[in-house]
Every structure is written in C-alpha cells, then in structure tokens.
N, C-alpha and C. Protein backbone atom coordinates (compact mmCIF):
# COMPACT_ATOMS: atom_id res chain seq x y z
N GLN A 1 26.24 -14.91 -2.48
CA GLN A 1 24.94 -13.92 -2.14
C GLN A 1 24.22 -14.30 -3.76
N VAL A 2 23.09 -14.07 -3.89
CA VAL A 2 21.95 -14.57 -4.89
C VAL A 2 21.37 -13.18 -5.55
N ARG A 3 21.41 -13.40 -7.13
CA ARG A 3 20.70 -12.62 -7.65
C ARG A 3 19.46 -12.56 -7.81
N LEU A 4 18.40 -11.42 -7.60
CA LEU A 4 17.37 -11.67 -7.82
C LEU A 4 16.87 -10.26 -9.09
N VAL A 5 15.82 -11.19 -9.71
CA VAL A 5 15.16 -10.04 -10.85
C VAL A 5 13.46 -10.49 -10.47
N GLU A 6 13.15 -9.13 -9.89
CA GLU A 6 11.62 -9.00 -10.25
C GLU A 6 10.98 -8.79 -11.49
N SER A 7 9.66 -9.21 -11.89
CA SER A 7 8.85 -9.00 -13.08
C SER A 7 7.18 -9.23 -12.68
N GLY A 8 6.50 -8.68 -13.62
CA GLY A 8 5.30 -8.90 -13.55
C GLY A 8 4.42 -7.82 -13.38
N GLY A 9 5.01 -6.34 -12.61
CA GLY A 9 4.29 -5.44 -12.22
C GLY A 9 3.59 -4.74 -13.55
N GLY A 10 2.65 -3.99 -13.31
CA GLY A 10 1.90 -3.34 -14.41
C GLY A 10 0.87 -2.06 -13.80
N LEU A 11 0.03 -1.97 -14.40
CA LEU A 11 -0.97 -1.02 -14.08
C LEU A 11 -2.58 -1.97 -14.41
N VAL A 12 -3.11 -1.83 -13.65
CA VAL A 12 -4.47 -2.76 -13.09
C VAL A 12 -5.76 -2.15 -12.39
N GLN A 13 -6.67 -2.28 -12.88
CA GLN A 13 -7.78 -1.83 -11.97
C GLN A 13 -8.28 -2.49 -10.65
N ALA A 14 -8.56 -1.56 -9.61
CA ALA A 14 -9.16 -2.09 -8.24
C ALA A 14 -9.89 -3.66 -8.84
N GLY A 15 -9.83 -4.23 -7.83
CA GLY A 15 -10.38 -5.77 -8.30
C GLY A 15 -9.68 -6.49 -8.97
N GLY A 16 -8.43 -6.30 -9.70
CA GLY A 16 -7.86 -7.00 -10.69
C GLY A 16 -6.70 -7.70 -9.89
N SER A 17 -6.20 -8.52 -10.80
CA SER A 17 -4.85 -9.68 -10.30
C SER A 17 -3.74 -9.41 -11.28
N LEU A 18 -2.54 -9.56 -10.48
CA LEU A 18 -1.64 -9.82 -10.97
C LEU A 18 -0.41 -10.82 -10.24
N ARG A 19 0.26 -11.10 -10.81
CA ARG A 19 1.20 -12.44 -10.52
C ARG A 19 2.62 -11.90 -10.75
N LEU A 20 3.72 -11.42 -9.54
CA LEU A 20 4.64 -11.22 -9.49
C LEU A 20 5.54 -12.46 -9.43
N SER A 21 6.86 -12.18 -10.58
CA SER A 21 7.82 -13.30 -10.46
C SER A 21 9.07 -12.86 -9.91
N CYS A 22 9.85 -13.95 -9.11
CA CYS A 22 11.30 -13.15 -8.83
C CYS A 22 12.23 -14.12 -9.28
N ALA A 23 12.80 -14.51 -9.94
CA ALA A 23 13.81 -14.97 -10.78
C ALA A 23 15.46 -15.25 -9.94
N ALA A 24 15.99 -16.09 -9.45
CA ALA A 24 16.85 -16.26 -8.55
C ALA A 24 17.95 -16.83 -9.28
N SER A 25 19.39 -16.12 -9.04
CA SER A 25 20.59 -17.06 -9.81
C SER A 25 21.47 -17.21 -9.00
N GLY A 26 22.68 -17.55 -8.96
CA GLY A 26 24.04 -17.36 -8.40
C GLY A 26 24.20 -18.09 -7.27
N ARG A 27 23.38 -18.99 -6.62
CA ARG A 27 23.34 -19.40 -5.50
C ARG A 27 22.00 -20.78 -5.54
N THR A 28 22.25 -21.78 -4.43
CA THR A 28 21.45 -22.68 -4.27
C THR A 28 20.38 -21.72 -4.14
N PHE A 29 18.99 -21.94 -4.83
CA PHE A 29 18.08 -21.00 -4.29
C PHE A 29 17.11 -21.85 -3.22
N SER A 30 16.87 -23.39 -3.11
CA SER A 30 16.40 -23.90 -2.14
C SER A 30 17.00 -23.37 -0.84
N ALA A 31 18.00 -23.06 -0.77
CA ALA A 31 18.85 -22.58 0.77
C ALA A 31 18.47 -21.45 1.35
N TYR A 32 17.70 -20.62 0.93
CA TYR A 32 17.04 -19.11 1.20
C TYR A 32 15.43 -19.53 1.75
N ALA A 33 15.26 -18.55 2.69
CA ALA A 33 14.17 -18.42 2.90
C ALA A 33 13.99 -17.07 1.80
N MET A 34 12.94 -16.53 1.74
CA MET A 34 12.48 -15.67 0.70
C MET A 34 11.12 -14.77 1.36
N GLY A 35 11.23 -13.82 0.70
CA GLY A 35 10.00 -12.49 1.19
C GLY A 35 9.72 -11.59 0.20
N TRP A 36 8.63 -11.04 0.16
CA TRP A 36 8.07 -9.78 -0.71
C TRP A 36 8.21 -8.47 0.20
N PHE A 37 8.41 -7.39 -0.05
CA PHE A 37 8.27 -6.17 0.37
C PHE A 37 7.15 -5.24 -0.67
N ARG A 38 7.18 -4.30 -0.11
CA ARG A 38 6.61 -3.08 -0.77
C ARG A 38 6.80 -1.44 -0.16
N ARG A 39 7.30 -1.14 -1.27
CA ARG A 39 7.38 0.51 -0.61
C ARG A 39 6.12 1.22 -1.65
N PRO A 40 5.47 1.56 -0.55
CA PRO A 40 4.27 2.67 -1.44
C PRO A 40 4.96 4.05 -1.52
N PRO A 41 4.17 5.08 -2.54
CA PRO A 41 4.67 6.26 -2.79
C PRO A 41 4.87 6.96 -1.21
N GLY A 42 6.02 7.44 -1.04
CA GLY A 42 5.94 8.81 0.10
C GLY A 42 6.08 7.84 1.24
N LYS A 43 6.52 6.44 1.22
CA LYS A 43 6.17 5.70 2.65
C LYS A 43 6.93 5.05 2.69
N GLU A 44 7.58 4.24 3.88
CA GLU A 44 8.45 3.61 4.27
C GLU A 44 8.34 1.61 3.48
N ARG A 45 9.45 1.23 3.43
CA ARG A 45 9.03 -0.01 2.96
C ARG A 45 8.29 -1.10 3.93
N GLU A 46 7.68 -1.89 3.53
CA GLU A 46 6.78 -2.94 4.56
C GLU A 46 6.93 -4.29 4.12
N PHE A 47 6.44 -5.12 5.14
CA PHE A 47 6.57 -6.41 4.98
C PHE A 47 5.35 -6.51 4.06
N VAL A 48 5.31 -7.58 3.11
CA VAL A 48 4.39 -8.46 2.61
C VAL A 48 3.75 -9.90 2.82
N ALA A 49 4.87 -10.36 2.51
CA ALA A 49 4.81 -12.09 2.59
C ALA A 49 6.15 -12.72 2.55
N ALA A 50 5.86 -13.90 3.39
CA ALA A 50 7.61 -14.71 3.70
C ALA A 50 7.14 -16.14 3.54
N VAL A 51 8.60 -16.79 3.03
CA VAL A 51 8.16 -18.13 2.83
C VAL A 51 9.56 -18.65 3.29
N THR A 52 9.02 -19.98 3.50
CA THR A 52 10.61 -20.78 4.12
C THR A 52 10.93 -21.62 3.06
N TRP A 53 12.39 -22.01 3.10
CA TRP A 53 13.10 -22.83 1.92
C TRP A 53 12.14 -23.46 1.09
N SER A 54 11.39 -24.36 1.77
CA SER A 54 10.49 -25.20 1.35
C SER A 54 9.46 -25.06 0.74
N GLY A 55 8.83 -23.95 1.06
CA GLY A 55 7.38 -23.40 0.45
C GLY A 55 6.33 -24.00 1.43
N MET A 56 6.83 -24.74 2.49
CA MET A 56 5.88 -25.31 3.35
C MET A 56 5.31 -24.53 4.48
N GLN A 57 6.14 -23.17 4.50
CA GLN A 57 5.20 -22.27 5.84
C GLN A 57 4.95 -20.79 5.02
N THR A 58 4.17 -20.45 5.05
CA THR A 58 4.36 -18.83 4.72
C THR A 58 3.55 -17.80 5.71
N TYR A 59 3.71 -17.03 5.46
CA TYR A 59 3.26 -15.68 6.84
C TYR A 59 3.13 -14.38 5.68
N TYR A 60 1.95 -13.91 6.32
CA TYR A 60 1.40 -12.55 5.42
C TYR A 60 1.08 -11.09 6.58
N ALA A 61 1.35 -10.26 5.66
CA ALA A 61 0.99 -9.02 6.72
C ALA A 61 -0.79 -8.94 6.43
N ASP A 62 -1.11 -8.26 7.47
CA ASP A 62 -2.52 -8.47 7.99
C ASP A 62 -3.09 -7.87 6.93
N SER A 63 -2.54 -6.91 5.97
CA SER A 63 -3.44 -6.25 4.85
C SER A 63 -3.32 -6.86 3.48
N VAL A 64 -2.85 -7.91 3.53
CA VAL A 64 -2.67 -8.69 2.41
C VAL A 64 -3.16 -10.04 2.48
N LYS A 65 -3.43 -10.51 3.58
CA LYS A 65 -4.10 -11.45 3.90
C LYS A 65 -5.26 -11.95 3.34
N GLY A 66 -5.44 -13.52 2.76
CA GLY A 66 -6.57 -13.42 2.32
C GLY A 66 -6.54 -13.14 0.57
N ARG A 67 -5.81 -12.38 0.35
CA ARG A 67 -5.60 -11.65 -1.28
C ARG A 67 -4.64 -11.99 -2.11
N PHE A 68 -3.66 -11.93 -1.23
CA PHE A 68 -2.08 -12.58 -1.63
C PHE A 68 -1.83 -13.66 -1.48
N THR A 69 -0.82 -14.59 -2.43
CA THR A 69 -0.48 -16.06 -1.98
C THR A 69 1.11 -16.09 -2.65
N ILE A 70 1.97 -16.28 -1.48
CA ILE A 70 3.55 -16.76 -1.92
C ILE A 70 3.50 -17.83 -1.92
N SER A 71 4.62 -18.06 -3.57
CA SER A 71 4.76 -19.50 -3.57
C SER A 71 6.26 -19.23 -4.13
N ARG A 72 6.73 -20.76 -4.23
CA ARG A 72 7.96 -20.91 -4.94
C ARG A 72 8.22 -22.50 -5.41
N ASP A 73 9.01 -21.84 -6.62
CA ASP A 73 9.24 -23.12 -7.40
C ASP A 73 10.88 -23.36 -7.18
N ASN A 74 11.51 -24.41 -6.38
CA ASN A 74 12.68 -24.59 -6.12
C ASN A 74 13.34 -25.11 -7.61
N ALA A 75 12.75 -25.88 -8.44
CA ALA A 75 13.44 -26.44 -9.32
C ALA A 75 13.37 -25.50 -10.45
N MET A 76 12.63 -24.19 -10.63
CA MET A 76 12.83 -23.32 -11.17
C MET A 76 13.73 -21.94 -10.89
N ASN A 77 14.00 -21.93 -9.64
CA ASN A 77 14.70 -21.11 -8.81
C ASN A 77 13.69 -19.69 -9.11
N THR A 78 12.56 -19.74 -8.57
CA THR A 78 11.41 -18.69 -9.10
C THR A 78 10.70 -18.65 -7.66
N LEU A 79 10.34 -17.14 -7.07
CA LEU A 79 9.50 -16.88 -6.26
C LEU A 79 8.46 -16.26 -6.68
N TYR A 80 7.25 -16.40 -6.40
CA TYR A 80 5.80 -16.03 -7.13
C TYR A 80 5.08 -14.68 -5.64
N LEU A 81 4.48 -13.85 -6.51
CA LEU A 81 3.46 -13.43 -5.34
C LEU A 81 2.03 -12.98 -6.23
N GLN A 82 1.29 -14.13 -5.78
CA GLN A 82 -0.08 -13.98 -6.76
C GLN A 82 -1.08 -12.79 -5.69
N MET A 83 -1.17 -11.93 -6.77
CA MET A 83 -2.08 -10.83 -5.95
C MET A 83 -3.56 -10.62 -6.47
N ASN A 84 -4.56 -11.15 -5.89
CA ASN A 84 -5.90 -10.96 -6.19
C ASN A 84 -6.77 -9.72 -5.64
N ASN A 85 -7.87 -9.13 -6.02
CA ASN A 85 -8.56 -8.14 -5.62
C ASN A 85 -8.06 -7.28 -5.09
N LEU A 86 -6.94 -6.61 -6.04
CA LEU A 86 -6.10 -5.69 -5.80
C LEU A 86 -6.74 -4.10 -5.57
N GLU A 87 -6.17 -3.40 -4.48
CA GLU A 87 -6.48 -2.15 -3.99
C GLU A 87 -5.90 -0.77 -4.66
N PRO A 88 -6.34 0.44 -4.57
CA PRO A 88 -5.58 1.54 -4.68
C PRO A 88 -4.42 1.33 -3.90
N GLU A 89 -4.46 0.52 -2.46
CA GLU A 89 -3.60 1.02 -1.40
C GLU A 89 -2.42 -0.21 -1.38
N ASP A 90 -2.77 -0.96 -2.72
CA ASP A 90 -1.61 -1.83 -2.74
C ASP A 90 -0.51 -1.48 -3.76
N THR A 91 -0.84 -0.15 -4.44
CA THR A 91 0.18 0.75 -4.99
C THR A 91 1.32 0.66 -4.57
N ALA A 92 2.53 0.24 -5.23
CA ALA A 92 4.00 0.29 -4.43
C ALA A 92 4.90 -0.38 -5.60
N THR A 93 6.13 -0.32 -4.96
CA THR A 93 7.22 -0.70 -5.79
C THR A 93 7.37 -2.12 -4.84
N TYR A 94 7.44 -3.37 -5.61
CA TYR A 94 7.71 -4.19 -4.87
C TYR A 94 8.98 -5.34 -5.14
N TYR A 95 9.73 -5.57 -3.81
CA TYR A 95 10.71 -5.77 -4.10
C TYR A 95 10.88 -7.56 -3.27
N CYS A 96 11.25 -8.60 -3.83
CA CYS A 96 11.79 -9.66 -3.49
C CYS A 96 13.09 -9.87 -2.71
N ALA A 97 13.17 -10.51 -1.58
CA ALA A 97 14.39 -10.74 -0.79
C ALA A 97 14.80 -12.02 -0.46
N ALA A 98 15.90 -12.19 -0.50
CA ALA A 98 16.56 -13.48 0.28
C ALA A 98 17.31 -13.57 1.52
N ARG A 99 17.17 -14.83 2.11
CA ARG A 99 17.71 -14.77 3.15
C ARG A 99 18.23 -16.24 3.34
N TYR A 100 19.95 -16.25 3.73
CA TYR A 100 20.37 -17.79 3.39
C TYR A 100 19.98 -18.22 4.92
N ASN A 101 19.00 -19.63 4.73
CA ASN A 101 18.56 -20.40 5.99
C ASN A 101 17.75 -21.61 5.28
N ILE A 102 18.85 -22.64 6.05
CA ILE A 102 18.45 -24.03 5.79
C ILE A 102 17.43 -24.54 6.94
N GLY A 103 16.90 -23.61 7.73
CA GLY A 103 16.20 -24.13 8.81
C GLY A 103 14.84 -24.02 8.30
N ASN A 104 13.86 -24.40 9.17
CA ASN A 104 12.52 -23.96 8.61
C ASN A 104 11.91 -22.48 9.45
N ARG A 105 12.58 -21.51 8.83
CA ARG A 105 12.23 -20.29 9.23
C ARG A 105 11.86 -19.31 8.12
N TYR A 106 10.79 -18.39 8.59
CA TYR A 106 10.43 -17.58 7.52
C TYR A 106 10.83 -16.24 8.19
N TYR A 107 11.10 -15.17 7.64
CA TYR A 107 11.76 -13.80 8.23
C TYR A 107 10.67 -12.65 7.89
N THR A 108 10.49 -12.01 8.49
CA THR A 108 9.21 -10.56 8.48
C THR A 108 9.79 -9.22 8.25
N LYS A 109 11.12 -8.98 8.49
CA LYS A 109 12.08 -7.96 8.92
C LYS A 109 12.55 -7.76 8.10
N ASP A 110 12.96 -6.25 7.15
CA ASP A 110 13.61 -6.36 5.83
C ASP A 110 15.27 -6.41 6.42
N HIS A 111 15.57 -6.02 7.72
CA HIS A 111 16.86 -6.18 7.74
C HIS A 111 17.37 -7.48 8.05
N GLU A 112 16.43 -8.18 7.98
CA GLU A 112 16.98 -9.68 8.14
C GLU A 112 17.10 -10.25 6.97
N TYR A 113 17.10 -9.49 5.88
CA TYR A 113 17.30 -10.07 4.64
C TYR A 113 18.53 -9.54 3.97
N GLY A 114 19.42 -10.41 3.43
CA GLY A 114 20.73 -9.78 3.05
C GLY A 114 20.93 -9.52 1.18
N ASP A 115 19.96 -10.18 0.49
CA ASP A 115 19.94 -9.78 -0.76
C ASP A 115 18.51 -9.38 -1.50
N TRP A 116 18.39 -8.58 -2.22
CA TRP A 116 17.41 -7.73 -2.72
C TRP A 116 17.35 -7.40 -4.48
N GLY A 117 16.16 -7.51 -4.88
CA GLY A 117 16.22 -7.36 -6.39
C GLY A 117 15.68 -5.72 -6.52
N GLN A 118 15.58 -5.55 -7.86
CA GLN A 118 15.69 -4.06 -7.81
C GLN A 118 14.37 -3.28 -7.84
N GLY A 119 13.18 -4.33 -7.84
CA GLY A 119 11.95 -3.81 -7.63
C GLY A 119 10.90 -3.92 -8.74
N THR A 120 9.75 -3.85 -8.79
CA THR A 120 9.07 -3.86 -9.83
C THR A 120 7.50 -2.93 -9.61
N GLN A 121 7.27 -2.12 -10.42
CA GLN A 121 5.85 -1.20 -10.04
C GLN A 121 4.55 -1.86 -10.22
N VAL A 122 3.70 -1.66 -9.14
CA VAL A 122 2.78 -2.15 -9.27
C VAL A 122 1.85 -0.75 -9.01
N THR A 123 0.73 -0.52 -9.93
CA THR A 123 -0.36 0.36 -9.73
C THR A 123 -1.44 0.01 -9.93
N VAL A 124 -2.76 0.29 -8.88
CA VAL A 124 -3.71 0.15 -9.18
C VAL A 124 -4.63 1.31 -8.90
N SER A 125 -5.59 1.10 -10.00
CA SER A 125 -5.97 2.49 -10.22
C SER A 125 -7.37 2.23 -9.61
N SER A 126 -8.53 3.48 -9.05
CA SER A 126 -9.55 2.85 -8.60
C SER A 126 -10.68 3.19 -9.59
C-alpha cells in the first residue's frame, strides 16, 4: 500500500493556473502507475489524467487535453498536475490514485486503482 497526500489546491480566477502535487510514501513509488481524478460538486468522480510508472506515457480526458499536464518525479516520490487556462467547470475535489504496475501501462477507470489520497479542493471563479 502507498500513502498519498495531495496539495496545491485553492481558489483561482478563470484563465489562471494551479499546480497540484501528490506526495507518495510507504512503497516504491516508481512501481506504481498513477492517475488524477476529480469530483465536481454534485457529480460522480471522473478521470482527469494518467501516467505510466516511468512517466513516458500519459493520457488525458478530452475535457482537459491541451490545458492540463500530468508528470511525475520518481526520485522525489511525487506526482504533479499542472493546470492552465482553468475554467469554472474545473471546480472539483481532485484526487491522486496509485495502481501497482511495473508494466508500461496507464489506467483510466477509478476501480483500477487501489490507493487514493484524501483530495484537494480546486475552485475556479468566473
């Protein structure tokens, strides 16, 4: 099991930027494929972005493609989500998730992940 702690959320105006971080501890971070999900107010949790253990392959939801960038630093045991050109529709609680996998895969379904952080709130005002 890996422990995940998100940070970096906050209140930002539309068009602004935020960078979320997810600090991992407890197991070998580089053995995990990672993902970001979000839960908008009153809605189901949805996929945002995913990355393979190496960071070489990434995948994005259509709604964030071209605006968000997922990355990881395995030496620092940290996952990132750079969010640019934020929109009010991006308002949500953001979660990072981990899936043990040493193959070259990423995952886009929340049931595929076994470990989750507690979430960080992002609010985008119009």
